[in-house]
Amino acid sequence: MKKKVKSVLPYFMVIGFMVTLGLVAPEMASASQIPLIKGGSGGDVTDITQLLQDWITQIRIIGVVVIVIALIIAGIIIGISLGNATKRALGIAAMIAAVIGIVLVMKAPDLANYFINQSQT
């Protein structure tokens, strides 16, 4: 019985995710939430630039939350490794990945500004 539950559990998780996505996504995709940019072609570029800056800020906030969770999980893995080299290596790899993520999140505005400035010229 336990073996059957373990083999079916991933399918239930995927179905649960899809149901959640189906219930939440239509509300988030409604046209009333999409910001309108004035001018159309030949319009003001500052509206688009500000919109991109807002998106980058929101993505950075999500990135910081994910990185903090990754650091906590990596610390827990290292803490419970109890001398097991494989688990310790996994924890250290997760910690290195989180540090790389921190650098990317910190540099995201600079990278975005570079591409925005290149598209304006």
PDB file of N, CA and C in Angstrom:
ATOM      1  N   MET A   1       0.825  -1.202   0.000  1.00  0.00           N
ATOM      2  CA  MET A   1       0.000   0.000   0.000  1.00  0.00           C
ATOM      3  C   MET A   1       0.865   1.260   0.000  1.00  0.00           C
ATOM      4  N   LYS A   2       1.937   1.264   0.834  1.00  0.00           N
ATOM      5  CA  LYS A   2       2.808   2.427   0.893  1.00  0.00           C
ATOM      6  C   LYS A   2       3.493   2.671  -0.446  1.00  0.00           C
ATOM      7  N   LYS A   3       3.851   1.589  -1.110  1.00  0.00           N
ATOM      8  CA  LYS A   3       4.539   1.709  -2.383  1.00  0.00           C
ATOM      9  C   LYS A   3       3.630   2.359  -3.435  1.00  0.00           C
ATOM     10  N   LYS A   4       2.357   1.995  -3.417  1.00  0.00           N
ATOM     11  CA  LYS A   4       1.415   2.585  -4.366  1.00  0.00           C
ATOM     12  C   LYS A   4       1.223   4.074  -4.100  1.00  0.00           C
ATOM     13  N   VAL A   5       1.145   4.441  -2.814  1.00  0.00           N
ATOM     14  CA  VAL A   5       0.972   5.854  -2.458  1.00  0.00           C
ATOM     15  C   VAL A   5       2.189   6.649  -2.908  1.00  0.00           C
ATOM     16  N   LYS A   6       3.378   6.108  -2.695  1.00  0.00           N
ATOM     17  CA  LYS A   6       4.596   6.804  -3.107  1.00  0.00           C
ATOM     18  C   LYS A   6       4.677   6.953  -4.619  1.00  0.00           C
ATOM     19  N   SER A   7       4.186   5.982  -5.348  1.00  0.00           N
ATOM     20  CA  SER A   7       4.258   6.073  -6.804  1.00  0.00           C
ATOM     21  C   SER A   7       3.193   7.012  -7.377  1.00  0.00           C
ATOM     22  N   VAL A   8       2.099   7.228  -6.671  1.00  0.00           N
ATOM     23  CA  VAL A   8       1.013   8.070  -7.172  1.00  0.00           C
ATOM     24  C   VAL A   8       1.138   9.512  -6.667  1.00  0.00           C
ATOM     25  N   LEU A   9       1.872   9.722  -5.586  1.00  0.00           N
ATOM     26  CA  LEU A   9       1.975  11.039  -4.973  1.00  0.00           C
ATOM     27  C   LEU A   9       2.463  12.133  -5.930  1.00  0.00           C
ATOM     28  N   PRO A  10       3.492  11.906  -6.758  1.00  0.00           N
ATOM     29  CA  PRO A  10       3.899  12.970  -7.694  1.00  0.00           C
ATOM     30  C   PRO A  10       2.790  13.388  -8.657  1.00  0.00           C
ATOM     31  N   TYR A  11       1.976  12.436  -9.084  1.00  0.00           N
ATOM     32  CA  TYR A  11       0.875  12.778  -9.987  1.00  0.00           C
ATOM     33  C   TYR A  11      -0.151  13.663  -9.300  1.00  0.00           C
ATOM     34  N   PHE A  12      -0.444  13.368  -8.030  1.00  0.00           N
ATOM     35  CA  PHE A  12      -1.378  14.208  -7.278  1.00  0.00           C
ATOM     36  C   PHE A  12      -0.814  15.610  -7.090  1.00  0.00           C
ATOM     37  N   MET A  13       0.500  15.713  -6.874  1.00  0.00           N
ATOM     38  CA  MET A  13       1.114  17.022  -6.708  1.00  0.00           C
ATOM     39  C   MET A  13       1.015  17.836  -8.000  1.00  0.00           C
ATOM     40  N   VAL A  14       1.257  17.202  -9.128  1.00  0.00           N
ATOM     41  CA  VAL A  14       1.159  17.895 -10.413  1.00  0.00           C
ATOM     42  C   VAL A  14      -0.281  18.318 -10.681  1.00  0.00           C
ATOM     43  N   ILE A  15      -1.226  17.431 -10.410  1.00  0.00           N
ATOM     44  CA  ILE A  15      -2.638  17.764 -10.618  1.00  0.00           C
ATOM     45  C   ILE A  15      -3.052  18.911  -9.699  1.00  0.00           C
ATOM     46  N   GLY A  16      -2.602  18.878  -8.444  1.00  0.00           N
ATOM     47  CA  GLY A  16      -2.904  19.964  -7.513  1.00  0.00           C
ATOM     48  C   GLY A  16      -2.337  21.292  -7.978  1.00  0.00           C
ATOM     49  N   PHE A  17      -1.108  21.260  -8.504  1.00  0.00           N
ATOM     50  CA  PHE A  17      -0.503  22.482  -9.034  1.00  0.00           C
ATOM     51  C   PHE A  17      -1.281  23.010 -10.221  1.00  0.00           C
ATOM     52  N   MET A  18      -1.669  22.123 -11.118  1.00  0.00           N
ATOM     53  CA  MET A  18      -2.404  22.547 -12.305  1.00  0.00           C
ATOM     54  C   MET A  18      -3.770  23.131 -11.938  1.00  0.00           C
ATOM     55  N   VAL A  19      -4.439  22.528 -10.956  1.00  0.00           N
ATOM     56  CA  VAL A  19      -5.728  23.050 -10.513  1.00  0.00           C
ATOM     57  C   VAL A  19      -5.543  24.434  -9.902  1.00  0.00           C
ATOM     58  N   THR A  20      -4.513  24.589  -9.062  1.00  0.00           N
ATOM     59  CA  THR A  20      -4.238  25.890  -8.462  1.00  0.00           C
ATOM     60  C   THR A  20      -3.937  26.919  -9.539  1.00  0.00           C
ATOM     61  N   LEU A  21      -3.127  26.537 -10.513  1.00  0.00           N
ATOM     62  CA  LEU A  21      -2.800  27.443 -11.606  1.00  0.00           C
ATOM     63  C   LEU A  21      -4.047  27.808 -12.399  1.00  0.00           C
ATOM     64  N   GLY A  22      -4.927  26.858 -12.615  1.00  0.00           N
ATOM     65  CA  GLY A  22      -6.154  27.115 -13.357  1.00  0.00           C
ATOM     66  C   GLY A  22      -7.108  28.031 -12.621  1.00  0.00           C
ATOM     67  N   LEU A  23      -7.068  27.991 -11.285  1.00  0.00           N
ATOM     68  CA  LEU A  23      -7.951  28.863 -10.518  1.00  0.00           C
ATOM     69  C   LEU A  23      -7.392  30.264 -10.360  1.00  0.00           C
ATOM     70  N   VAL A  24      -6.070  30.394 -10.281  1.00  0.00           N
ATOM     71  CA  VAL A  24      -5.457  31.686 -10.014  1.00  0.00           C
ATOM     72  C   VAL A  24      -5.125  32.443 -11.304  1.00  0.00           C
ATOM     73  N   ALA A  25      -4.677  31.730 -12.332  1.00  0.00           N
ATOM     74  CA  ALA A  25      -4.199  32.382 -13.555  1.00  0.00           C
ATOM     75  C   ALA A  25      -5.249  33.230 -14.265  1.00  0.00           C
ATOM     76  N   PRO A  26      -6.504  32.814 -14.385  1.00  0.00           N
ATOM     77  CA  PRO A  26      -7.463  33.676 -15.094  1.00  0.00           C
ATOM     78  C   PRO A  26      -7.635  35.046 -14.450  1.00  0.00           C
ATOM     79  N   GLU A  27      -7.600  35.111 -13.126  1.00  0.00           N
ATOM     80  CA  GLU A  27      -7.738  36.399 -12.461  1.00  0.00           C
ATOM     81  C   GLU A  27      -6.528  37.273 -12.706  1.00  0.00           C
ATOM     82  N   MET A  28      -5.344  36.659 -12.701  1.00  0.00           N
ATOM     83  CA  MET A  28      -4.118  37.435 -12.870  1.00  0.00           C
ATOM     84  C   MET A  28      -3.929  37.882 -14.316  1.00  0.00           C
ATOM     85  N   ALA A  29      -4.563  37.207 -15.249  1.00  0.00           N
ATOM     86  CA  ALA A  29      -4.386  37.531 -16.660  1.00  0.00           C
ATOM     87  C   ALA A  29      -5.476  38.445 -17.198  1.00  0.00           C
ATOM     88  N   SER A  30      -6.306  38.946 -16.337  1.00  0.00           N
ATOM     89  CA  SER A  30      -7.386  39.807 -16.825  1.00  0.00           C
ATOM     90  C   SER A  30      -6.813  41.108 -17.384  1.00  0.00           C
ATOM     91  N   ALA A  31      -7.496  41.657 -18.369  1.00  0.00           N
ATOM     92  CA  ALA A  31      -6.993  42.839 -19.064  1.00  0.00           C
ATOM     93  C   ALA A  31      -6.990  44.077 -18.177  1.00  0.00           C
ATOM     94  N   SER A  32      -7.749  44.074 -17.105  1.00  0.00           N
ATOM     95  CA  SER A  32      -7.800  45.260 -16.257  1.00  0.00           C
ATOM     96  C   SER A  32      -6.500  45.461 -15.496  1.00  0.00           C
ATOM     97  N   GLN A  33      -5.692  44.416 -15.359  1.00  0.00           N
ATOM     98  CA  GLN A  33      -4.453  44.546 -14.610  1.00  0.00           C
ATOM     99  C   GLN A  33      -3.257  44.877 -15.499  1.00  0.00           C
ATOM    100  N   ILE A  34      -3.419  44.834 -16.795  1.00  0.00           N
ATOM    101  CA  ILE A  34      -2.321  45.114 -17.699  1.00  0.00           C
ATOM    102  C   ILE A  34      -2.209  46.619 -17.876  1.00  0.00           C
ATOM    103  N   PRO A  35      -1.047  47.197 -17.557  1.00  0.00           N
ATOM    104  CA  PRO A  35      -0.914  48.651 -17.699  1.00  0.00           C
ATOM    105  C   PRO A  35      -0.888  49.049 -19.165  1.00  0.00           C
ATOM    106  N   LEU A  36      -1.592  50.115 -19.482  1.00  0.00           N
ATOM    107  CA  LEU A  36      -1.617  50.613 -20.847  1.00  0.00           C
ATOM    108  C   LEU A  36      -0.541  51.674 -21.009  1.00  0.00           C
ATOM    109  N   ILE A  37       0.196  51.592 -22.110  1.00  0.00           N
ATOM    110  CA  ILE A  37       1.251  52.543 -22.399  1.00  0.00           C
ATOM    111  C   ILE A  37       0.728  53.513 -23.449  1.00  0.00           C
ATOM    112  N   LYS A  38       0.807  54.788 -23.134  1.00  0.00           N
ATOM    113  CA  LYS A  38       0.253  55.810 -24.015  1.00  0.00           C
ATOM    114  C   LYS A  38       1.107  55.975 -25.262  1.00  0.00           C
ATOM    115  N   GLY A  39       0.497  56.348 -26.346  1.00  0.00           N
ATOM    116  CA  GLY A  39       1.233  56.771 -27.512  1.00  0.00           C
ATOM    117  C   GLY A  39       1.377  55.749 -28.612  1.00  0.00           C
ATOM    118  N   GLY A  40       1.385  54.484 -28.333  1.00  0.00           N
ATOM    119  CA  GLY A  40       1.586  53.480 -29.379  1.00  0.00           C
ATOM    120  C   GLY A  40       2.961  53.628 -29.989  1.00  0.00           C
ATOM    121  N   SER A  41       3.069  53.431 -31.273  1.00  0.00           N
ATOM    122  CA  SER A  41       4.371  53.566 -31.926  1.00  0.00           C
ATOM    123  C   SER A  41       4.743  55.038 -31.980  1.00  0.00           C
ATOM    124  N   GLY A  42       5.985  55.318 -31.681  1.00  0.00           N
ATOM    125  CA  GLY A  42       6.438  56.698 -31.646  1.00  0.00           C
ATOM    126  C   GLY A  42       6.041  57.405 -30.368  1.00  0.00           C
ATOM    127  N   GLY A  43       5.546  56.657 -29.379  1.00  0.00           N
ATOM    128  CA  GLY A  43       5.127  57.259 -28.120  1.00  0.00           C
ATOM    129  C   GLY A  43       6.303  57.507 -27.196  1.00  0.00           C
ATOM    130  N   ASP A  44       5.999  57.794 -25.964  1.00  0.00           N
ATOM    131  CA  ASP A  44       7.011  58.139 -24.979  1.00  0.00           C
ATOM    132  C   ASP A  44       7.689  56.870 -24.464  1.00  0.00           C
ATOM    133  N   VAL A  45       8.999  56.817 -24.556  1.00  0.00           N
ATOM    134  CA  VAL A  45       9.757  55.641 -24.143  1.00  0.00           C
ATOM    135  C   VAL A  45       9.863  55.566 -22.625  1.00  0.00           C
ATOM    136  N   THR A  46       9.700  56.702 -21.936  1.00  0.00           N
ATOM    137  CA  THR A  46       9.847  56.677 -20.486  1.00  0.00           C
ATOM    138  C   THR A  46       8.760  55.836 -19.825  1.00  0.00           C
ATOM    139  N   ASP A  47       7.594  55.738 -20.440  1.00  0.00           N
ATOM    140  CA  ASP A  47       6.543  54.881 -19.883  1.00  0.00           C
ATOM    141  C   ASP A  47       6.978  53.425 -19.889  1.00  0.00           C
ATOM    142  N   ILE A  48       7.558  52.991 -20.989  1.00  0.00           N
ATOM    143  CA  ILE A  48       8.024  51.605 -21.088  1.00  0.00           C
ATOM    144  C   ILE A  48       9.186  51.381 -20.143  1.00  0.00           C
ATOM    145  N   THR A  49      10.094  52.342 -20.071  1.00  0.00           N
ATOM    146  CA  THR A  49      11.251  52.214 -19.180  1.00  0.00           C
ATOM    147  C   THR A  49      10.803  52.092 -17.733  1.00  0.00           C
ATOM    148  N   GLN A  50       9.856  52.904 -17.328  1.00  0.00           N
ATOM    149  CA  GLN A  50       9.362  52.831 -15.949  1.00  0.00           C
ATOM    150  C   GLN A  50       8.669  51.500 -15.687  1.00  0.00           C
ATOM    151  N   LEU A  51       7.918  51.015 -16.670  1.00  0.00           N
ATOM    152  CA  LEU A  51       7.256  49.726 -16.527  1.00  0.00           C
ATOM    153  C   LEU A  51       8.279  48.605 -16.365  1.00  0.00           C
ATOM    154  N   LEU A  52       9.333  48.642 -17.160  1.00  0.00           N
ATOM    155  CA  LEU A  52      10.389  47.638 -17.028  1.00  0.00           C
ATOM    156  C   LEU A  52      11.084  47.735 -15.679  1.00  0.00           C
ATOM    157  N   GLN A  53      11.334  48.943 -15.202  1.00  0.00           N
ATOM    158  CA  GLN A  53      11.964  49.109 -13.889  1.00  0.00           C
ATOM    159  C   GLN A  53      11.082  48.545 -12.778  1.00  0.00           C
ATOM    160  N   ASP A  54       9.776  48.744 -12.890  1.00  0.00           N
ATOM    161  CA  ASP A  54       8.852  48.174 -11.894  1.00  0.00           C
ATOM    162  C   ASP A  54       8.887  46.652 -11.919  1.00  0.00           C
ATOM    163  N   TRP A  55       8.915  46.072 -13.107  1.00  0.00           N
ATOM    164  CA  TRP A  55       8.979  44.611 -13.222  1.00  0.00           C
ATOM    165  C   TRP A  55      10.276  44.083 -12.630  1.00  0.00           C
ATOM    166  N   ILE A  56      11.372  44.765 -12.914  1.00  0.00           N
ATOM    167  CA  ILE A  56      12.667  44.328 -12.384  1.00  0.00           C
ATOM    168  C   ILE A  56      12.657  44.369 -10.868  1.00  0.00           C
ATOM    169  N   THR A  57      12.068  45.399 -10.300  1.00  0.00           N
ATOM    170  CA  THR A  57      11.984  45.491  -8.836  1.00  0.00           C
ATOM    171  C   THR A  57      11.174  44.337  -8.263  1.00  0.00           C
ATOM    172  N   GLN A  58      10.056  44.017  -8.883  1.00  0.00           N
ATOM    173  CA  GLN A  58       9.231  42.910  -8.391  1.00  0.00           C
ATOM    174  C   GLN A  58       9.951  41.577  -8.534  1.00  0.00           C
ATOM    175  N   ILE A  59      10.664  41.379  -9.635  1.00  0.00           N
ATOM    176  CA  ILE A  59      11.410  40.139  -9.826  1.00  0.00           C
ATOM    177  C   ILE A  59      12.548  40.047  -8.823  1.00  0.00           C
ATOM    178  N   ARG A  60      13.177  41.163  -8.504  1.00  0.00           N
ATOM    179  CA  ARG A  60      14.246  41.149  -7.494  1.00  0.00           C
ATOM    180  C   ARG A  60      13.706  40.763  -6.125  1.00  0.00           C
ATOM    181  N   ILE A  61      12.525  41.240  -5.783  1.00  0.00           N
ATOM    182  CA  ILE A  61      11.939  40.885  -4.487  1.00  0.00           C
ATOM    183  C   ILE A  61      11.704  39.380  -4.418  1.00  0.00           C
ATOM    184  N   ILE A  62      11.154  38.806  -5.486  1.00  0.00           N
ATOM    185  CA  ILE A  62      10.935  37.357  -5.537  1.00  0.00           C
ATOM    186  C   ILE A  62      12.275  36.628  -5.450  1.00  0.00           C
ATOM    187  N   GLY A  63      13.283  37.138  -6.152  1.00  0.00           N
ATOM    188  CA  GLY A  63      14.609  36.525  -6.126  1.00  0.00           C
ATOM    189  C   GLY A  63      15.218  36.517  -4.738  1.00  0.00           C
ATOM    190  N   VAL A  64      15.062  37.603  -4.014  1.00  0.00           N
ATOM    191  CA  VAL A  64      15.607  37.670  -2.654  1.00  0.00           C
ATOM    192  C   VAL A  64      14.930  36.643  -1.756  1.00  0.00           C
ATOM    193  N   VAL A  65      13.636  36.505  -1.876  1.00  0.00           N
ATOM    194  CA  VAL A  65      12.920  35.513  -1.065  1.00  0.00           C
ATOM    195  C   VAL A  65      13.406  34.097  -1.380  1.00  0.00           C
ATOM    196  N   VAL A  66      13.561  33.794  -2.666  1.00  0.00           N
ATOM    197  CA  VAL A  66      14.040  32.464  -3.067  1.00  0.00           C
ATOM    198  C   VAL A  66      15.457  32.229  -2.564  1.00  0.00           C
ATOM    199  N   ILE A  67      16.308  33.238  -2.627  1.00  0.00           N
ATOM    200  CA  ILE A  67      17.691  33.093  -2.170  1.00  0.00           C
ATOM    201  C   ILE A  67      17.748  32.859  -0.664  1.00  0.00           C
ATOM    202  N   VAL A  68      16.951  33.571   0.087  1.00  0.00           N
ATOM    203  CA  VAL A  68      16.940  33.364   1.542  1.00  0.00           C
ATOM    204  C   VAL A  68      16.496  31.937   1.875  1.00  0.00           C
ATOM    205  N   ILE A  69      15.477  31.457   1.178  1.00  0.00           N
ATOM    206  CA  ILE A  69      15.024  30.075   1.398  1.00  0.00           C
ATOM    207  C   ILE A  69      16.127  29.097   1.021  1.00  0.00           C
ATOM    208  N   ALA A  70      16.829  29.356  -0.089  1.00  0.00           N
ATOM    209  CA  ALA A  70      17.918  28.472  -0.515  1.00  0.00           C
ATOM    210  C   ALA A  70      19.052  28.465   0.501  1.00  0.00           C
ATOM    211  N   LEU A  71      19.386  29.630   1.058  1.00  0.00           N
ATOM    212  CA  LEU A  71      20.435  29.680   2.076  1.00  0.00           C
ATOM    213  C   LEU A  71      20.040  28.904   3.325  1.00  0.00           C
ATOM    214  N   ILE A  72      18.799  29.015   3.732  1.00  0.00           N
ATOM    215  CA  ILE A  72      18.328  28.282   4.915  1.00  0.00           C
ATOM    216  C   ILE A  72      18.387  26.784   4.665  1.00  0.00           C
ATOM    217  N   ILE A  73      17.907  26.345   3.507  1.00  0.00           N
ATOM    218  CA  ILE A  73      17.925  24.918   3.183  1.00  0.00           C
ATOM    219  C   ILE A  73      19.357  24.411   3.090  1.00  0.00           C
ATOM    220  N   ALA A  74      20.253  25.190   2.478  1.00  0.00           N
ATOM    221  CA  ALA A  74      21.658  24.778   2.381  1.00  0.00           C
ATOM    222  C   ALA A  74      22.280  24.656   3.765  1.00  0.00           C
ATOM    223  N   GLY A  75      21.973  25.595   4.639  1.00  0.00           N
ATOM    224  CA  GLY A  75      22.489  25.511   6.012  1.00  0.00           C
ATOM    225  C   GLY A  75      21.961  24.294   6.747  1.00  0.00           C
ATOM    226  N   ILE A  76      20.702  23.979   6.544  1.00  0.00           N
ATOM    227  CA  ILE A  76      20.123  22.788   7.183  1.00  0.00           C
ATOM    228  C   ILE A  76      20.781  21.526   6.642  1.00  0.00           C
ATOM    229  N   ILE A  77      21.000  21.471   5.331  1.00  0.00           N
ATOM    230  CA  ILE A  77      21.636  20.285   4.746  1.00  0.00           C
ATOM    231  C   ILE A  77      23.044  20.111   5.291  1.00  0.00           C
ATOM    232  N   ILE A  78      23.796  21.200   5.381  1.00  0.00           N
ATOM    233  CA  ILE A  78      25.149  21.115   5.945  1.00  0.00           C
ATOM    234  C   ILE A  78      25.081  20.717   7.410  1.00  0.00           C
ATOM    235  N   GLY A  79      24.127  21.254   8.141  1.00  0.00           N
ATOM    236  CA  GLY A  79      24.013  20.954   9.567  1.00  0.00           C
ATOM    237  C   GLY A  79      23.654  19.508   9.860  1.00  0.00           C
ATOM    238  N   ILE A  80      22.835  18.903   9.026  1.00  0.00           N
ATOM    239  CA  ILE A  80      22.413  17.526   9.284  1.00  0.00           C
ATOM    240  C   ILE A  80      23.244  16.501   8.519  1.00  0.00           C
ATOM    241  N   SER A  81      24.339  16.948   7.882  1.00  0.00           N
ATOM    242  CA  SER A  81      25.153  15.996   7.119  1.00  0.00           C
ATOM    243  C   SER A  81      25.857  14.993   8.028  1.00  0.00           C
ATOM    244  N   LEU A  82      26.186  15.387   9.251  1.00  0.00           N
ATOM    245  CA  LEU A  82      26.792  14.492  10.247  1.00  0.00           C
ATOM    246  C   LEU A  82      28.004  13.732   9.696  1.00  0.00           C
ATOM    247  N   GLY A  83      28.864  14.455   8.998  1.00  0.00           N
ATOM    248  CA  GLY A  83      30.085  13.840   8.490  1.00  0.00           C
ATOM    249  C   GLY A  83      29.937  13.136   7.156  1.00  0.00           C
ATOM    250  N   ASN A  84      28.730  13.049   6.644  1.00  0.00           N
ATOM    251  CA  ASN A  84      28.525  12.422   5.343  1.00  0.00           C
ATOM    252  C   ASN A  84      29.017  13.389   4.264  1.00  0.00           C
ATOM    253  N   ALA A  85      30.051  12.976   3.544  1.00  0.00           N
ATOM    254  CA  ALA A  85      30.693  13.862   2.569  1.00  0.00           C
ATOM    255  C   ALA A  85      29.761  14.228   1.427  1.00  0.00           C
ATOM    256  N   THR A  86      28.904  13.304   1.027  1.00  0.00           N
ATOM    257  CA  THR A  86      27.995  13.571  -0.090  1.00  0.00           C
ATOM    258  C   THR A  86      26.977  14.650   0.280  1.00  0.00           C
ATOM    259  N   LYS A  87      26.394  14.533   1.463  1.00  0.00           N
ATOM    260  CA  LYS A  87      25.411  15.532   1.896  1.00  0.00           C
ATOM    261  C   LYS A  87      26.078  16.889   2.142  1.00  0.00           C
ATOM    262  N   ARG A  88      27.287  16.855   2.700  1.00  0.00           N
ATOM    263  CA  ARG A  88      28.003  18.110   2.929  1.00  0.00           C
ATOM    264  C   ARG A  88      28.319  18.793   1.603  1.00  0.00           C
ATOM    265  N   ALA A  89      28.736  18.015   0.606  1.00  0.00           N
ATOM    266  CA  ALA A  89      29.023  18.578  -0.715  1.00  0.00           C
ATOM    267  C   ALA A  89      27.762  19.155  -1.349  1.00  0.00           C
ATOM    268  N   LEU A  90      26.637  18.490  -1.154  1.00  0.00           N
ATOM    269  CA  LEU A  90      25.366  18.997  -1.669  1.00  0.00           C
ATOM    270  C   LEU A  90      25.008  20.330  -1.009  1.00  0.00           C
ATOM    271  N   GLY A  91      25.193  20.417   0.293  1.00  0.00           N
ATOM    272  CA  GLY A  91      24.914  21.656   1.016  1.00  0.00           C
ATOM    273  C   GLY A  91      25.821  22.793   0.590  1.00  0.00           C
ATOM    274  N   ILE A  92      27.095  22.487   0.395  1.00  0.00           N
ATOM    275  CA  ILE A  92      28.041  23.519  -0.041  1.00  0.00           C
ATOM    276  C   ILE A  92      27.710  23.975  -1.463  1.00  0.00           C
ATOM    277  N   ALA A  93      27.336  23.031  -2.331  1.00  0.00           N
ATOM    278  CA  ALA A  93      26.950  23.406  -3.695  1.00  0.00           C
ATOM    279  C   ALA A  93      25.712  24.297  -3.681  1.00  0.00           C
ATOM    280  N   ALA A  94      24.763  23.994  -2.809  1.00  0.00           N
ATOM    281  CA  ALA A  94      23.564  24.834  -2.698  1.00  0.00           C
ATOM    282  C   ALA A  94      23.929  26.216  -2.177  1.00  0.00           C
ATOM    283  N   MET A  95      24.872  26.281  -1.247  1.00  0.00           N
ATOM    284  CA  MET A  95      25.308  27.572  -0.709  1.00  0.00           C
ATOM    285  C   MET A  95      26.002  28.401  -1.800  1.00  0.00           C
ATOM    286  N   ILE A  96      26.842  27.753  -2.609  1.00  0.00           N
ATOM    287  CA  ILE A  96      27.517  28.460  -3.705  1.00  0.00           C
ATOM    288  C   ILE A  96      26.491  28.955  -4.724  1.00  0.00           C
ATOM    289  N   ALA A  97      25.510  28.134  -5.037  1.00  0.00           N
ATOM    290  CA  ALA A  97      24.466  28.544  -5.980  1.00  0.00           C
ATOM    291  C   ALA A  97      23.687  29.745  -5.435  1.00  0.00           C
ATOM    292  N   ALA A  98      23.435  29.762  -4.131  1.00  0.00           N
ATOM    293  CA  ALA A  98      22.720  30.893  -3.529  1.00  0.00           C
ATOM    294  C   ALA A  98      23.562  32.165  -3.600  1.00  0.00           C
ATOM    295  N   VAL A  99      24.860  32.046  -3.403  1.00  0.00           N
ATOM    296  CA  VAL A  99      25.733  33.220  -3.489  1.00  0.00           C
ATOM    297  C   VAL A  99      25.760  33.754  -4.922  1.00  0.00           C
ATOM    298  N   ILE A 100      25.822  32.854  -5.899  1.00  0.00           N
ATOM    299  CA  ILE A 100      25.755  33.284  -7.301  1.00  0.00           C
ATOM    300  C   ILE A 100      24.418  33.971  -7.575  1.00  0.00           C
ATOM    301  N   GLY A 101      23.346  33.438  -6.994  1.00  0.00           N
ATOM    302  CA  GLY A 101      22.035  34.074  -7.132  1.00  0.00           C
ATOM    303  C   GLY A 101      22.002  35.466  -6.530  1.00  0.00           C
ATOM    304  N   ILE A 102      22.671  35.653  -5.392  1.00  0.00           N
ATOM    305  CA  ILE A 102      22.735  36.977  -4.772  1.00  0.00           C
ATOM    306  C   ILE A 102      23.410  37.968  -5.715  1.00  0.00           C
ATOM    307  N   VAL A 103      24.517  37.545  -6.320  1.00  0.00           N
ATOM    308  CA  VAL A 103      25.234  38.428  -7.248  1.00  0.00           C
ATOM    309  C   VAL A 103      24.353  38.786  -8.437  1.00  0.00           C
ATOM    310  N   LEU A 104      23.649  37.796  -8.981  1.00  0.00           N
ATOM    311  CA  LEU A 104      22.781  38.067 -10.130  1.00  0.00           C
ATOM    312  C   LEU A 104      21.636  39.005  -9.777  1.00  0.00           C
ATOM    313  N   VAL A 105      21.041  38.813  -8.610  1.00  0.00           N
ATOM    314  CA  VAL A 105      19.933  39.687  -8.199  1.00  0.00           C
ATOM    315  C   VAL A 105      20.436  41.105  -7.962  1.00  0.00           C
ATOM    316  N   MET A 106      21.653  41.229  -7.410  1.00  0.00           N
ATOM    317  CA  MET A 106      22.198  42.569  -7.173  1.00  0.00           C
ATOM    318  C   MET A 106      22.541  43.274  -8.482  1.00  0.00           C
ATOM    319  N   LYS A 107      22.965  42.528  -9.495  1.00  0.00           N
ATOM    320  CA  LYS A 107      23.373  43.117 -10.763  1.00  0.00           C
ATOM    321  C   LYS A 107      22.224  43.239 -11.764  1.00  0.00           C
ATOM    322  N   ALA A 108      21.059  42.726 -11.458  1.00  0.00           N
ATOM    323  CA  ALA A 108      19.928  42.745 -12.388  1.00  0.00           C
ATOM    324  C   ALA A 108      19.564  44.154 -12.865  1.00  0.00           C
ATOM    325  N   PRO A 109      19.503  45.163 -11.996  1.00  0.00           N
ATOM    326  CA  PRO A 109      19.157  46.498 -12.500  1.00  0.00           C
ATOM    327  C   PRO A 109      20.208  47.050 -13.471  1.00  0.00           C
ATOM    328  N   ASP A 110      21.488  46.796 -13.199  1.00  0.00           N
ATOM    329  CA  ASP A 110      22.527  47.278 -14.096  1.00  0.00           C
ATOM    330  C   ASP A 110      22.419  46.630 -15.467  1.00  0.00           C
ATOM    331  N   LEU A 111      22.187  45.314 -15.467  1.00  0.00           N
ATOM    332  CA  LEU A 111      22.035  44.615 -16.742  1.00  0.00           C
ATOM    333  C   LEU A 111      20.807  45.119 -17.504  1.00  0.00           C
ATOM    334  N   ALA A 112      19.714  45.290 -16.794  1.00  0.00           N
ATOM    335  CA  ALA A 112      18.487  45.759 -17.443  1.00  0.00           C
ATOM    336  C   ALA A 112      18.662  47.175 -17.977  1.00  0.00           C
ATOM    337  N   ASN A 113      19.304  48.046 -17.202  1.00  0.00           N
ATOM    338  CA  ASN A 113      19.532  49.414 -17.668  1.00  0.00           C
ATOM    339  C   ASN A 113      20.419  49.430 -18.901  1.00  0.00           C
ATOM    340  N   TYR A 114      21.391  48.543 -18.955  1.00  0.00           N
ATOM    341  CA  TYR A 114      22.250  48.456 -20.132  1.00  0.00           C
ATOM    342  C   TYR A 114      21.417  48.133 -21.371  1.00  0.00           C
ATOM    343  N   PHE A 115      20.555  47.107 -21.260  1.00  0.00           N
ATOM    344  CA  PHE A 115      19.749  46.727 -22.421  1.00  0.00           C
ATOM    345  C   PHE A 115      18.708  47.795 -22.765  1.00  0.00           C
ATOM    346  N   ILE A 116      18.155  48.438 -21.764  1.00  0.00           N
ATOM    347  CA  ILE A 116      17.191  49.510 -22.018  1.00  0.00           C
ATOM    348  C   ILE A 116      17.876  50.663 -22.749  1.00  0.00           C
ATOM    349  N   ASN A 117      19.062  51.044 -22.286  1.00  0.00           N
ATOM    350  CA  ASN A 117      19.795  52.141 -22.929  1.00  0.00           C
ATOM    351  C   ASN A 117      20.210  51.774 -24.347  1.00  0.00           C
ATOM    352  N   GLN A 118      20.576  50.507 -24.565  1.00  0.00           N
ATOM    353  CA  GLN A 118      20.948  50.089 -25.907  1.00  0.00           C
ATOM    354  C   GLN A 118      19.753  50.121 -26.861  1.00  0.00           C
ATOM    355  N   SER A 119      18.570  49.815 -26.343  1.00  0.00           N
ATOM    356  CA  SER A 119      17.388  49.824 -27.203  1.00  0.00           C
ATOM    357  C   SER A 119      16.910  51.240 -27.518  1.00  0.00           C
ATOM    358  N   GLN A 120      17.275  52.210 -26.693  1.00  0.00           N
ATOM    359  CA  GLN A 120      16.854  53.582 -26.933  1.00  0.00           C
ATOM    360  C   GLN A 120      17.711  54.293 -27.968  1.00  0.00           C
ATOM    361  N   THR A 121      18.918  53.790 -28.192  1.00  0.00           N
ATOM    362  CA  THR A 121      19.801  54.463 -29.166  1.00  0.00           C
ATOM    363  C   THR A 121      19.657  53.895 -30.540  1.00  0.00           C
TER     364      THR A 121
END
